[in-house]
Amino acid sequence: MGLIIGDENATQGMTKAIYDKIRQVMEPIDGIEGQQLEDIRASWKKLSYAIAHGVVSHIKSNMEIKKIKTIDRVSVQGSTGTAEPSAHAHSVAIAAEDEDLEFIETNYPAGQGHVE
């Protein structure tokens, strides 16, 4: 799953998670209800969006990828081409397969643009 900021109405992504937590921690507010509470919630939504936007944008711009290993299967097949000066093909076939080839992800180059 990608890092999703969400929207100013706090209906999705990190914005919604932050807003839901703010409500859980802050409510009820003694003596506050009705329209006054709705106005406060609207402010919390804006605050949640601002926090989520800053956090997700910062992570996407500055994340460093280190020590992540993946394993996959690789298969290579082919044959030799023509050889000069006689320009004839050789009948040698090339076949290689590795079922547990390990790839190590890095922060190269410069780390930016790897995370969406």
PDB file of N, CA and C in Angstrom:
ATOM      1  N   MET A   1       0.842  -1.172   0.000  1.00  0.00           N
ATOM      2  CA  MET A   1       0.000   0.000   0.000  1.00  0.00           C
ATOM      3  C   MET A   1       0.888   1.235   0.000  1.00  0.00           C
ATOM      4  N   GLY A   2       0.530   2.180  -0.827  1.00  0.00           N
ATOM      5  CA  GLY A   2       1.276   3.416  -0.884  1.00  0.00           C
ATOM      6  C   GLY A   2       0.934   4.346   0.269  1.00  0.00           C
ATOM      7  N   LEU A   3       1.725   5.355   0.443  1.00  0.00           N
ATOM      8  CA  LEU A   3       1.453   6.370   1.456  1.00  0.00           C
ATOM      9  C   LEU A   3       0.438   7.351   0.879  1.00  0.00           C
ATOM     10  N   ILE A   4      -0.778   7.349   1.444  1.00  0.00           N
ATOM     11  CA  ILE A   4      -1.856   8.184   0.934  1.00  0.00           C
ATOM     12  C   ILE A   4      -2.124   9.309   1.925  1.00  0.00           C
ATOM     13  N   ILE A   5      -1.992  10.542   1.475  1.00  0.00           N
ATOM     14  CA  ILE A   5      -2.211  11.693   2.345  1.00  0.00           C
ATOM     15  C   ILE A   5      -3.665  11.750   2.793  1.00  0.00           C
ATOM     16  N   GLY A   6      -4.586  11.639   1.836  1.00  0.00           N
ATOM     17  CA  GLY A   6      -6.000  11.788   2.144  1.00  0.00           C
ATOM     18  C   GLY A   6      -6.513  13.115   1.630  1.00  0.00           C
ATOM     19  N   ASP A   7      -7.576  13.617   2.245  1.00  0.00           N
ATOM     20  CA  ASP A   7      -8.188  14.856   1.778  1.00  0.00           C
ATOM     21  C   ASP A   7      -8.569  15.729   2.964  1.00  0.00           C
ATOM     22  N   GLU A   8      -8.929  16.985   2.668  1.00  0.00           N
ATOM     23  CA  GLU A   8      -9.239  17.942   3.720  1.00  0.00           C
ATOM     24  C   GLU A   8     -10.512  17.605   4.494  1.00  0.00           C
ATOM     25  N   ASN A   9     -11.328  16.703   3.973  1.00  0.00           N
ATOM     26  CA  ASN A   9     -12.527  16.276   4.689  1.00  0.00           C
ATOM     27  C   ASN A   9     -12.266  15.058   5.573  1.00  0.00           C
ATOM     28  N   ALA A  10     -11.044  14.592   5.602  1.00  0.00           N
ATOM     29  CA  ALA A  10     -10.621  13.467   6.447  1.00  0.00           C
ATOM     30  C   ALA A  10     -11.431  12.202   6.175  1.00  0.00           C
ATOM     31  N   THR A  11     -11.631  11.890   4.893  1.00  0.00           N
ATOM     32  CA  THR A  11     -12.400  10.701   4.537  1.00  0.00           C
ATOM     33  C   THR A  11     -11.531   9.512   4.149  1.00  0.00           C
ATOM     34  N   GLN A  12     -10.218   9.737   4.029  1.00  0.00           N
ATOM     35  CA  GLN A  12      -9.348   8.636   3.613  1.00  0.00           C
ATOM     36  C   GLN A  12      -7.904   8.897   4.016  1.00  0.00           C
ATOM     37  N   GLY A  13      -7.081   7.865   3.848  1.00  0.00           N
ATOM     38  CA  GLY A  13      -5.639   7.970   4.031  1.00  0.00           C
ATOM     39  C   GLY A  13      -5.212   8.327   5.443  1.00  0.00           C
ATOM     40  N   MET A  14      -3.982   8.866   5.516  1.00  0.00           N
ATOM     41  CA  MET A  14      -3.410   9.220   6.802  1.00  0.00           C
ATOM     42  C   MET A  14      -4.216  10.331   7.471  1.00  0.00           C
ATOM     43  N   THR A  15      -4.799  11.241   6.679  1.00  0.00           N
ATOM     44  CA  THR A  15      -5.628  12.308   7.249  1.00  0.00           C
ATOM     45  C   THR A  15      -6.759  11.724   8.083  1.00  0.00           C
ATOM     46  N   LYS A  16      -7.440  10.714   7.566  1.00  0.00           N
ATOM     47  CA  LYS A  16      -8.542  10.085   8.298  1.00  0.00           C
ATOM     48  C   LYS A  16      -8.037   9.412   9.570  1.00  0.00           C
ATOM     49  N   ALA A  17      -6.914   8.724   9.490  1.00  0.00           N
ATOM     50  CA  ALA A  17      -6.364   8.049  10.668  1.00  0.00           C
ATOM     51  C   ALA A  17      -6.023   9.053  11.770  1.00  0.00           C
ATOM     52  N   ILE A  18      -5.425  10.171  11.387  1.00  0.00           N
ATOM     53  CA  ILE A  18      -5.075  11.195  12.371  1.00  0.00           C
ATOM     54  C   ILE A  18      -6.337  11.819  12.957  1.00  0.00           C
ATOM     55  N   TYR A  19      -7.285  12.169  12.103  1.00  0.00           N
ATOM     56  CA  TYR A  19      -8.532  12.771  12.570  1.00  0.00           C
ATOM     57  C   TYR A  19      -9.297  11.842  13.508  1.00  0.00           C
ATOM     58  N   ASP A  20      -9.396  10.573  13.144  1.00  0.00           N
ATOM     59  CA  ASP A  20     -10.092   9.608  14.007  1.00  0.00           C
ATOM     60  C   ASP A  20      -9.435   9.522  15.380  1.00  0.00           C
ATOM     61  N   LYS A  21      -8.111   9.553  15.412  1.00  0.00           N
ATOM     62  CA  LYS A  21      -7.391   9.485  16.689  1.00  0.00           C
ATOM     63  C   LYS A  21      -7.597  10.764  17.503  1.00  0.00           C
ATOM     64  N   ILE A  22      -7.577  11.914  16.855  1.00  0.00           N
ATOM     65  CA  ILE A  22      -7.834  13.169  17.561  1.00  0.00           C
ATOM     66  C   ILE A  22      -9.210  13.129  18.211  1.00  0.00           C
ATOM     67  N   ARG A  23     -10.217  12.684  17.479  1.00  0.00           N
ATOM     68  CA  ARG A  23     -11.566  12.598  18.049  1.00  0.00           C
ATOM     69  C   ARG A  23     -11.607  11.629  19.225  1.00  0.00           C
ATOM     70  N   GLN A  24     -10.938  10.503  19.077  1.00  0.00           N
ATOM     71  CA  GLN A  24     -10.926   9.505  20.153  1.00  0.00           C
ATOM     72  C   GLN A  24     -10.300  10.075  21.428  1.00  0.00           C
ATOM     73  N   VAL A  25      -9.241  10.836  21.264  1.00  0.00           N
ATOM     74  CA  VAL A  25      -8.518  11.379  22.408  1.00  0.00           C
ATOM     75  C   VAL A  25      -9.204  12.620  22.985  1.00  0.00           C
ATOM     76  N   MET A  26      -9.739  13.466  22.138  1.00  0.00           N
ATOM     77  CA  MET A  26     -10.229  14.780  22.572  1.00  0.00           C
ATOM     78  C   MET A  26     -11.711  14.828  22.961  1.00  0.00           C
ATOM     79  N   GLU A  27     -12.512  13.941  22.434  1.00  0.00           N
ATOM     80  CA  GLU A  27     -13.950  14.002  22.725  1.00  0.00           C
ATOM     81  C   GLU A  27     -14.316  13.034  23.837  1.00  0.00           C
ATOM     82  N   PRO A  28     -15.344  13.365  24.582  1.00  0.00           N
ATOM     83  CA  PRO A  28     -16.176  14.570  24.521  1.00  0.00           C
ATOM     84  C   PRO A  28     -15.474  15.765  25.157  1.00  0.00           C
ATOM     85  N   ILE A  29     -15.922  16.961  24.774  1.00  0.00           N
ATOM     86  CA  ILE A  29     -15.405  18.197  25.338  1.00  0.00           C
ATOM     87  C   ILE A  29     -16.495  18.758  26.252  1.00  0.00           C
ATOM     88  N   ASP A  30     -16.177  18.914  27.498  1.00  0.00           N
ATOM     89  CA  ASP A  30     -17.168  19.391  28.471  1.00  0.00           C
ATOM     90  C   ASP A  30     -17.786  20.713  28.027  1.00  0.00           C
ATOM     91  N   GLY A  31     -19.120  20.753  27.985  1.00  0.00           N
ATOM     92  CA  GLY A  31     -19.849  21.972  27.672  1.00  0.00           C
ATOM     93  C   GLY A  31     -19.905  22.334  26.207  1.00  0.00           C
ATOM     94  N   ILE A  32     -19.327  21.520  25.337  1.00  0.00           N
ATOM     95  CA  ILE A  32     -19.320  21.814  23.899  1.00  0.00           C
ATOM     96  C   ILE A  32     -20.151  20.756  23.172  1.00  0.00           C
ATOM     97  N   GLU A  33     -21.115  21.244  22.374  1.00  0.00           N
ATOM     98  CA  GLU A  33     -21.910  20.326  21.555  1.00  0.00           C
ATOM     99  C   GLU A  33     -22.514  21.088  20.398  1.00  0.00           C
ATOM    100  N   GLY A  34     -23.266  20.403  19.574  1.00  0.00           N
ATOM    101  CA  GLY A  34     -23.959  21.028  18.448  1.00  0.00           C
ATOM    102  C   GLY A  34     -23.017  21.657  17.446  1.00  0.00           C
ATOM    103  N   GLN A  35     -23.392  22.856  16.977  1.00  0.00           N
ATOM    104  CA  GLN A  35     -22.632  23.547  15.940  1.00  0.00           C
ATOM    105  C   GLN A  35     -21.220  23.885  16.402  1.00  0.00           C
ATOM    106  N   GLN A  36     -21.079  24.202  17.662  1.00  0.00           N
ATOM    107  CA  GLN A  36     -19.753  24.521  18.180  1.00  0.00           C
ATOM    108  C   GLN A  36     -18.818  23.316  18.050  1.00  0.00           C
ATOM    109  N   LEU A  37     -19.325  22.112  18.352  1.00  0.00           N
ATOM    110  CA  LEU A  37     -18.528  20.894  18.216  1.00  0.00           C
ATOM    111  C   LEU A  37     -18.219  20.610  16.750  1.00  0.00           C
ATOM    112  N   GLU A  38     -19.191  20.856  15.879  1.00  0.00           N
ATOM    113  CA  GLU A  38     -18.952  20.655  14.438  1.00  0.00           C
ATOM    114  C   GLU A  38     -17.867  21.600  13.922  1.00  0.00           C
ATOM    115  N   ASP A  39     -17.848  22.828  14.399  1.00  0.00           N
ATOM    116  CA  ASP A  39     -16.805  23.785  13.999  1.00  0.00           C
ATOM    117  C   ASP A  39     -15.425  23.320  14.478  1.00  0.00           C
ATOM    118  N   ILE A  40     -15.381  22.797  15.693  1.00  0.00           N
ATOM    119  CA  ILE A  40     -14.115  22.272  16.224  1.00  0.00           C
ATOM    120  C   ILE A  40     -13.655  21.084  15.391  1.00  0.00           C
ATOM    121  N   ARG A  41     -14.572  20.194  15.058  1.00  0.00           N
ATOM    122  CA  ARG A  41     -14.221  19.031  14.229  1.00  0.00           C
ATOM    123  C   ARG A  41     -13.710  19.464  12.860  1.00  0.00           C
ATOM    124  N   ALA A  42     -14.309  20.511  12.292  1.00  0.00           N
ATOM    125  CA  ALA A  42     -13.837  21.018  10.991  1.00  0.00           C
ATOM    126  C   ALA A  42     -12.389  21.487  11.106  1.00  0.00           C
ATOM    127  N   SER A  43     -12.047  22.126  12.213  1.00  0.00           N
ATOM    128  CA  SER A  43     -10.661  22.560  12.438  1.00  0.00           C
ATOM    129  C   SER A  43      -9.735  21.365  12.604  1.00  0.00           C
ATOM    130  N   TRP A  44     -10.210  20.338  13.300  1.00  0.00           N
ATOM    131  CA  TRP A  44      -9.406  19.127  13.462  1.00  0.00           C
ATOM    132  C   TRP A  44      -9.136  18.459  12.113  1.00  0.00           C
ATOM    133  N   LYS A  45     -10.124  18.500  11.228  1.00  0.00           N
ATOM    134  CA  LYS A  45      -9.929  17.915   9.886  1.00  0.00           C
ATOM    135  C   LYS A  45      -8.828  18.652   9.142  1.00  0.00           C
ATOM    136  N   LYS A  46      -8.849  19.981   9.200  1.00  0.00           N
ATOM    137  CA  LYS A  46      -7.804  20.769   8.539  1.00  0.00           C
ATOM    138  C   LYS A  46      -6.440  20.477   9.155  1.00  0.00           C
ATOM    139  N   LEU A  47      -6.400  20.411  10.478  1.00  0.00           N
ATOM    140  CA  LEU A  47      -5.150  20.095  11.178  1.00  0.00           C
ATOM    141  C   LEU A  47      -4.653  18.702  10.786  1.00  0.00           C
ATOM    142  N   SER A  48      -5.547  17.746  10.743  1.00  0.00           N
ATOM    143  CA  SER A  48      -5.181  16.369  10.360  1.00  0.00           C
ATOM    144  C   SER A  48      -4.607  16.326   8.951  1.00  0.00           C
ATOM    145  N   TYR A  49      -5.224  17.060   8.035  1.00  0.00           N
ATOM    146  CA  TYR A  49      -4.742  17.111   6.652  1.00  0.00           C
ATOM    147  C   TYR A  49      -3.344  17.739   6.609  1.00  0.00           C
ATOM    148  N   ALA A  50      -3.151  18.824   7.339  1.00  0.00           N
ATOM    149  CA  ALA A  50      -1.844  19.491   7.345  1.00  0.00           C
ATOM    150  C   ALA A  50      -0.762  18.563   7.878  1.00  0.00           C
ATOM    151  N   ILE A  51      -1.061  17.863   8.958  1.00  0.00           N
ATOM    152  CA  ILE A  51      -0.088  16.927   9.544  1.00  0.00           C
ATOM    153  C   ILE A  51       0.210  15.798   8.566  1.00  0.00           C
ATOM    154  N   ALA A  52      -0.840  15.172   8.030  1.00  0.00           N
ATOM    155  CA  ALA A  52      -0.655  14.051   7.095  1.00  0.00           C
ATOM    156  C   ALA A  52       0.125  14.487   5.862  1.00  0.00           C
ATOM    157  N   HIS A  53      -0.196  15.647   5.329  1.00  0.00           N
ATOM    158  CA  HIS A  53       0.501  16.144   4.136  1.00  0.00           C
ATOM    159  C   HIS A  53       1.984  16.333   4.423  1.00  0.00           C
ATOM    160  N   GLY A  54       2.289  16.944   5.564  1.00  0.00           N
ATOM    161  CA  GLY A  54       3.695  17.153   5.921  1.00  0.00           C
ATOM    162  C   GLY A  54       4.441  15.857   6.138  1.00  0.00           C
ATOM    163  N   VAL A  55       3.821  14.926   6.854  1.00  0.00           N
ATOM    164  CA  VAL A  55       4.483  13.645   7.162  1.00  0.00           C
ATOM    165  C   VAL A  55       4.716  12.833   5.889  1.00  0.00           C
ATOM    166  N   VAL A  56       3.666  12.650   5.091  1.00  0.00           N
ATOM    167  CA  VAL A  56       3.794  11.823   3.882  1.00  0.00           C
ATOM    168  C   VAL A  56       4.755  12.465   2.888  1.00  0.00           C
ATOM    169  N   SER A  57       4.645  13.765   2.687  1.00  0.00           N
ATOM    170  CA  SER A  57       5.550  14.447   1.756  1.00  0.00           C
ATOM    171  C   SER A  57       6.999  14.326   2.219  1.00  0.00           C
ATOM    172  N   HIS A  58       7.225  14.480   3.505  1.00  0.00           N
ATOM    173  CA  HIS A  58       8.586  14.368   4.039  1.00  0.00           C
ATOM    174  C   HIS A  58       9.138  12.945   3.852  1.00  0.00           C
ATOM    175  N   ILE A  59       8.319  11.952   4.153  1.00  0.00           N
ATOM    176  CA  ILE A  59       8.766  10.563   3.999  1.00  0.00           C
ATOM    177  C   ILE A  59       9.091  10.275   2.544  1.00  0.00           C
ATOM    178  N   LYS A  60       8.213  10.673   1.633  1.00  0.00           N
ATOM    179  CA  LYS A  60       8.449  10.407   0.212  1.00  0.00           C
ATOM    180  C   LYS A  60       9.715  11.089  -0.296  1.00  0.00           C
ATOM    181  N   SER A  61      10.012  12.256   0.213  1.00  0.00           N
ATOM    182  CA  SER A  61      11.185  13.005  -0.251  1.00  0.00           C
ATOM    183  C   SER A  61      12.493  12.561   0.399  1.00  0.00           C
ATOM    184  N   ASN A  62      12.411  11.984   1.588  1.00  0.00           N
ATOM    185  CA  ASN A  62      13.634  11.740   2.355  1.00  0.00           C
ATOM    186  C   ASN A  62      13.876  10.297   2.767  1.00  0.00           C
ATOM    187  N   MET A  63      12.983   9.397   2.419  1.00  0.00           N
ATOM    188  CA  MET A  63      13.147   8.006   2.837  1.00  0.00           C
ATOM    189  C   MET A  63      14.409   7.400   2.239  1.00  0.00           C
ATOM    190  N   GLU A  64      15.121   6.665   3.047  1.00  0.00           N
ATOM    191  CA  GLU A  64      16.273   5.918   2.573  1.00  0.00           C
ATOM    192  C   GLU A  64      15.934   4.442   2.603  1.00  0.00           C
ATOM    193  N   ILE A  65      16.217   3.766   1.512  1.00  0.00           N
ATOM    194  CA  ILE A  65      15.915   2.347   1.400  1.00  0.00           C
ATOM    195  C   ILE A  65      17.200   1.574   1.649  1.00  0.00           C
ATOM    196  N   LYS A  66      17.177   0.715   2.685  1.00  0.00           N
ATOM    197  CA  LYS A  66      18.382  -0.039   3.047  1.00  0.00           C
ATOM    198  C   LYS A  66      18.003  -1.457   3.452  1.00  0.00           C
ATOM    199  N   LYS A  67      18.875  -2.380   3.134  1.00  0.00           N
ATOM    200  CA  LYS A  67      18.805  -3.756   3.612  1.00  0.00           C
ATOM    201  C   LYS A  67      17.479  -4.456   3.311  1.00  0.00           C
ATOM    202  N   ILE A  68      16.881  -4.156   2.162  1.00  0.00           N
ATOM    203  CA  ILE A  68      15.669  -4.860   1.742  1.00  0.00           C
ATOM    204  C   ILE A  68      16.101  -5.902   0.719  1.00  0.00           C
ATOM    205  N   LYS A  69      15.759  -7.152   0.978  1.00  0.00           N
ATOM    206  CA  LYS A  69      16.146  -8.236   0.078  1.00  0.00           C
ATOM    207  C   LYS A  69      14.906  -8.861  -0.539  1.00  0.00           C
ATOM    208  N   THR A  70      14.982  -9.142  -1.828  1.00  0.00           N
ATOM    209  CA  THR A  70      13.922  -9.859  -2.515  1.00  0.00           C
ATOM    210  C   THR A  70      14.546 -11.050  -3.220  1.00  0.00           C
ATOM    211  N   ILE A  71      13.764 -12.086  -3.409  1.00  0.00           N
ATOM    212  CA  ILE A  71      14.244 -13.283  -4.100  1.00  0.00           C
ATOM    213  C   ILE A  71      13.305 -13.547  -5.267  1.00  0.00           C
ATOM    214  N   ASP A  72      13.883 -13.852  -6.428  1.00  0.00           N
ATOM    215  CA  ASP A  72      13.079 -14.094  -7.621  1.00  0.00           C
ATOM    216  C   ASP A  72      13.783 -15.105  -8.506  1.00  0.00           C
ATOM    217  N   ARG A  73      13.086 -15.579  -9.496  1.00  0.00           N
ATOM    218  CA  ARG A  73      13.625 -16.535 -10.457  1.00  0.00           C
ATOM    219  C   ARG A  73      14.058 -15.783 -11.704  1.00  0.00           C
ATOM    220  N   VAL A  74      15.239 -16.122 -12.210  1.00  0.00           N
ATOM    221  CA  VAL A  74      15.771 -15.504 -13.415  1.00  0.00           C
ATOM    222  C   VAL A  74      16.131 -16.598 -14.402  1.00  0.00           C
ATOM    223  N   SER A  75      15.747 -16.393 -15.650  1.00  0.00           N
ATOM    224  CA  SER A  75      16.056 -17.358 -16.699  1.00  0.00           C
ATOM    225  C   SER A  75      16.594 -16.610 -17.912  1.00  0.00           C
ATOM    226  N   VAL A  76      17.728 -17.072 -18.457  1.00  0.00           N
ATOM    227  CA  VAL A  76      18.342 -16.452 -19.626  1.00  0.00           C
ATOM    228  C   VAL A  76      18.564 -17.533 -20.672  1.00  0.00           C
ATOM    229  N   GLN A  77      18.156 -17.262 -21.901  1.00  0.00           N
ATOM    230  CA  GLN A  77      18.370 -18.217 -22.993  1.00  0.00           C
ATOM    231  C   GLN A  77      18.850 -17.460 -24.220  1.00  0.00           C
ATOM    232  N   GLY A  78      19.607 -18.124 -25.055  1.00  0.00           N
ATOM    233  CA  GLY A  78      20.081 -17.488 -26.279  1.00  0.00           C
ATOM    234  C   GLY A  78      21.106 -18.362 -26.963  1.00  0.00           C
ATOM    235  N   SER A  79      21.626 -17.858 -28.078  1.00  0.00           N
ATOM    236  CA  SER A  79      22.697 -18.567 -28.786  1.00  0.00           C
ATOM    237  C   SER A  79      23.675 -17.530 -29.296  1.00  0.00           C
ATOM    238  N   THR A  80      24.815 -18.005 -29.737  1.00  0.00           N
ATOM    239  CA  THR A  80      25.841 -17.079 -30.203  1.00  0.00           C
ATOM    240  C   THR A  80      25.437 -16.489 -31.543  1.00  0.00           C
ATOM    241  N   GLY A  81      25.996 -15.338 -31.836  1.00  0.00           N
ATOM    242  CA  GLY A  81      25.758 -14.696 -33.130  1.00  0.00           C
ATOM    243  C   GLY A  81      26.795 -15.144 -34.136  1.00  0.00           C
ATOM    244  N   THR A  82      26.890 -14.428 -35.195  1.00  0.00           N
ATOM    245  CA  THR A  82      27.876 -14.767 -36.236  1.00  0.00           C
ATOM    246  C   THR A  82      29.244 -14.249 -35.836  1.00  0.00           C
ATOM    247  N   ALA A  83      30.277 -14.937 -36.292  1.00  0.00           N
ATOM    248  CA  ALA A  83      31.649 -14.565 -35.970  1.00  0.00           C
ATOM    249  C   ALA A  83      32.367 -14.124 -37.238  1.00  0.00           C
ATOM    250  N   GLU A  84      33.089 -13.043 -37.146  1.00  0.00           N
ATOM    251  CA  GLU A  84      33.887 -12.561 -38.280  1.00  0.00           C
ATOM    252  C   GLU A  84      35.221 -13.285 -38.282  1.00  0.00           C
ATOM    253  N   PRO A  85      35.934 -13.492 -39.308  1.00  0.00           N
ATOM    254  CA  PRO A  85      35.642 -12.980 -40.654  1.00  0.00           C
ATOM    255  C   PRO A  85      34.746 -13.914 -41.466  1.00  0.00           C
ATOM    256  N   SER A  86      34.485 -15.126 -41.025  1.00  0.00           N
ATOM    257  CA  SER A  86      33.737 -16.060 -41.865  1.00  0.00           C
ATOM    258  C   SER A  86      32.231 -15.867 -41.750  1.00  0.00           C
ATOM    259  N   ALA A  87      31.764 -15.091 -40.792  1.00  0.00           N
ATOM    260  CA  ALA A  87      30.348 -14.756 -40.624  1.00  0.00           C
ATOM    261  C   ALA A  87      29.457 -15.984 -40.581  1.00  0.00           C
ATOM    262  N   HIS A  88      29.838 -16.955 -39.806  1.00  0.00           N
ATOM    263  CA  HIS A  88      28.989 -18.138 -39.661  1.00  0.00           C
ATOM    264  C   HIS A  88      28.506 -18.253 -38.215  1.00  0.00           C
ATOM    265  N   ALA A  89      27.350 -18.866 -38.013  1.00  0.00           N
ATOM    266  CA  ALA A  89      26.788 -19.017 -36.676  1.00  0.00           C
ATOM    267  C   ALA A  89      27.383 -20.242 -36.004  1.00  0.00           C
ATOM    268  N   HIS A  90      27.597 -20.160 -34.731  1.00  0.00           N
ATOM    269  CA  HIS A  90      28.056 -21.304 -33.947  1.00  0.00           C
ATOM    270  C   HIS A  90      26.847 -21.997 -33.349  1.00  0.00           C
ATOM    271  N   SER A  91      26.934 -23.273 -33.170  1.00  0.00           N
ATOM    272  CA  SER A  91      25.798 -24.033 -32.652  1.00  0.00           C
ATOM    273  C   SER A  91      25.831 -24.189 -31.132  1.00  0.00           C
ATOM    274  N   VAL A  92      26.378 -23.229 -30.448  1.00  0.00           N
ATOM    275  CA  VAL A  92      26.452 -23.283 -28.994  1.00  0.00           C
ATOM    276  C   VAL A  92      25.210 -22.612 -28.417  1.00  0.00           C
ATOM    277  N   ALA A  93      24.534 -23.272 -27.515  1.00  0.00           N
ATOM    278  CA  ALA A  93      23.360 -22.700 -26.859  1.00  0.00           C
ATOM    279  C   ALA A  93      23.737 -22.216 -25.470  1.00  0.00           C
ATOM    280  N   ILE A  94      23.090 -21.156 -25.030  1.00  0.00           N
ATOM    281  CA  ILE A  94      23.329 -20.608 -23.702  1.00  0.00           C
ATOM    282  C   ILE A  94      22.023 -20.706 -22.918  1.00  0.00           C
ATOM    283  N   ALA A  95      22.071 -21.319 -21.772  1.00  0.00           N
ATOM    284  CA  ALA A  95      20.894 -21.400 -20.914  1.00  0.00           C
ATOM    285  C   ALA A  95      21.348 -21.284 -19.464  1.00  0.00           C
ATOM    286  N   ALA A  96      20.719 -20.404 -18.735  1.00  0.00           N
ATOM    287  CA  ALA A  96      21.055 -20.243 -17.316  1.00  0.00           C
ATOM    288  C   ALA A  96      19.778 -19.969 -16.539  1.00  0.00           C
ATOM    289  N   GLU A  97      19.695 -20.528 -15.354  1.00  0.00           N
ATOM    290  CA  GLU A  97      18.527 -20.304 -14.525  1.00  0.00           C
ATOM    291  C   GLU A  97      18.944 -20.322 -13.066  1.00  0.00           C
ATOM    292  N   ASP A  98      18.364 -19.428 -12.328  1.00  0.00           N
ATOM    293  CA  ASP A  98      18.613 -19.362 -10.892  1.00  0.00           C
ATOM    294  C   ASP A  98      17.269 -19.138 -10.224  1.00  0.00           C
ATOM    295  N   GLU A  99      16.833 -20.083  -9.402  1.00  0.00           N
ATOM    296  CA  GLU A  99      15.511 -20.007  -8.797  1.00  0.00           C
ATOM    297  C   GLU A  99      15.480 -19.191  -7.512  1.00  0.00           C
ATOM    298  N   ASP A 100      16.616 -18.886  -6.953  1.00  0.00           N
ATOM    299  CA  ASP A 100      16.609 -18.125  -5.710  1.00  0.00           C
ATOM    300  C   ASP A 100      17.634 -16.994  -5.750  1.00  0.00           C
ATOM    301  N   LEU A 101      17.619 -16.268  -6.857  1.00  0.00           N
ATOM    302  CA  LEU A 101      18.527 -15.152  -7.025  1.00  0.00           C
ATOM    303  C   LEU A 101      18.098 -14.023  -6.076  1.00  0.00           C
ATOM    304  N   GLU A 102      19.024 -13.525  -5.313  1.00  0.00           N
ATOM    305  CA  GLU A 102      18.714 -12.507  -4.309  1.00  0.00           C
ATOM    306  C   GLU A 102      19.082 -11.124  -4.832  1.00  0.00           C
ATOM    307  N   PHE A 103      18.131 -10.192  -4.705  1.00  0.00           N
ATOM    308  CA  PHE A 103      18.348  -8.800  -5.085  1.00  0.00           C
ATOM    309  C   PHE A 103      18.328  -7.963  -3.814  1.00  0.00           C
ATOM    310  N   ILE A 104      19.209  -7.008  -3.716  1.00  0.00           N
ATOM    311  CA  ILE A 104      19.237  -6.119  -2.554  1.00  0.00           C
ATOM    312  C   ILE A 104      18.892  -4.717  -3.032  1.00  0.00           C
ATOM    313  N   GLU A 105      17.803  -4.168  -2.482  1.00  0.00           N
ATOM    314  CA  GLU A 105      17.366  -2.820  -2.832  1.00  0.00           C
ATOM    315  C   GLU A 105      18.278  -1.813  -2.138  1.00  0.00           C
ATOM    316  N   THR A 106      18.545  -0.718  -2.815  1.00  0.00           N
ATOM    317  CA  THR A 106      19.391   0.316  -2.240  1.00  0.00           C
ATOM    318  C   THR A 106      18.750   1.681  -2.413  1.00  0.00           C
ATOM    319  N   ASN A 107      19.371   2.663  -1.867  1.00  0.00           N
ATOM    320  CA  ASN A 107      18.918   4.041  -1.960  1.00  0.00           C
ATOM    321  C   ASN A 107      19.509   4.730  -3.188  1.00  0.00           C
ATOM    322  N   TYR A 108      20.038   3.964  -4.132  1.00  0.00           N
ATOM    323  CA  TYR A 108      20.721   4.522  -5.299  1.00  0.00           C
ATOM    324  C   TYR A 108      19.735   4.733  -6.422  1.00  0.00           C
ATOM    325  N   PRO A 109      19.784   5.743  -7.182  1.00  0.00           N
ATOM    326  CA  PRO A 109      20.580   6.952  -6.991  1.00  0.00           C
ATOM    327  C   PRO A 109      19.813   7.986  -6.168  1.00  0.00           C
ATOM    328  N   ALA A 110      20.449   8.582  -5.257  1.00  0.00           N
ATOM    329  CA  ALA A 110      19.975   9.718  -4.475  1.00  0.00           C
ATOM    330  C   ALA A 110      18.715   9.497  -3.648  1.00  0.00           C
ATOM    331  N   GLY A 111      18.120   8.342  -3.692  1.00  0.00           N
ATOM    332  CA  GLY A 111      17.028   8.023  -2.796  1.00  0.00           C
ATOM    333  C   GLY A 111      15.686   8.614  -3.119  1.00  0.00           C
ATOM    334  N   GLN A 112      15.626   9.633  -3.904  1.00  0.00           N
ATOM    335  CA  GLN A 112      14.355  10.285  -4.161  1.00  0.00           C
ATOM    336  C   GLN A 112      13.638   9.639  -5.340  1.00  0.00           C
ATOM    337  N   GLY A 113      12.315   9.636  -5.250  1.00  0.00           N
ATOM    338  CA  GLY A 113      11.502   9.114  -6.332  1.00  0.00           C
ATOM    339  C   GLY A 113      11.274   7.612  -6.291  1.00  0.00           C
ATOM    340  N   HIS A 114      11.746   6.921  -5.259  1.00  0.00           N
ATOM    341  CA  HIS A 114      11.568   5.486  -5.164  1.00  0.00           C
ATOM    342  C   HIS A 114      10.236   5.084  -4.526  1.00  0.00           C
ATOM    343  N   VAL A 115       9.657   5.976  -3.741  1.00  0.00           N
ATOM    344  CA  VAL A 115       8.464   5.636  -2.962  1.00  0.00           C
ATOM    345  C   VAL A 115       7.293   6.457  -3.455  1.00  0.00           C
ATOM    346  N   GLU A 116       6.148   5.800  -3.643  1.00  0.00           N
ATOM    347  CA  GLU A 116       4.937   6.509  -4.082  1.00  0.00           C
ATOM    348  C   GLU A 116       3.878   6.440  -3.029  1.00  0.00           C
TER     349      GLU A 116
END
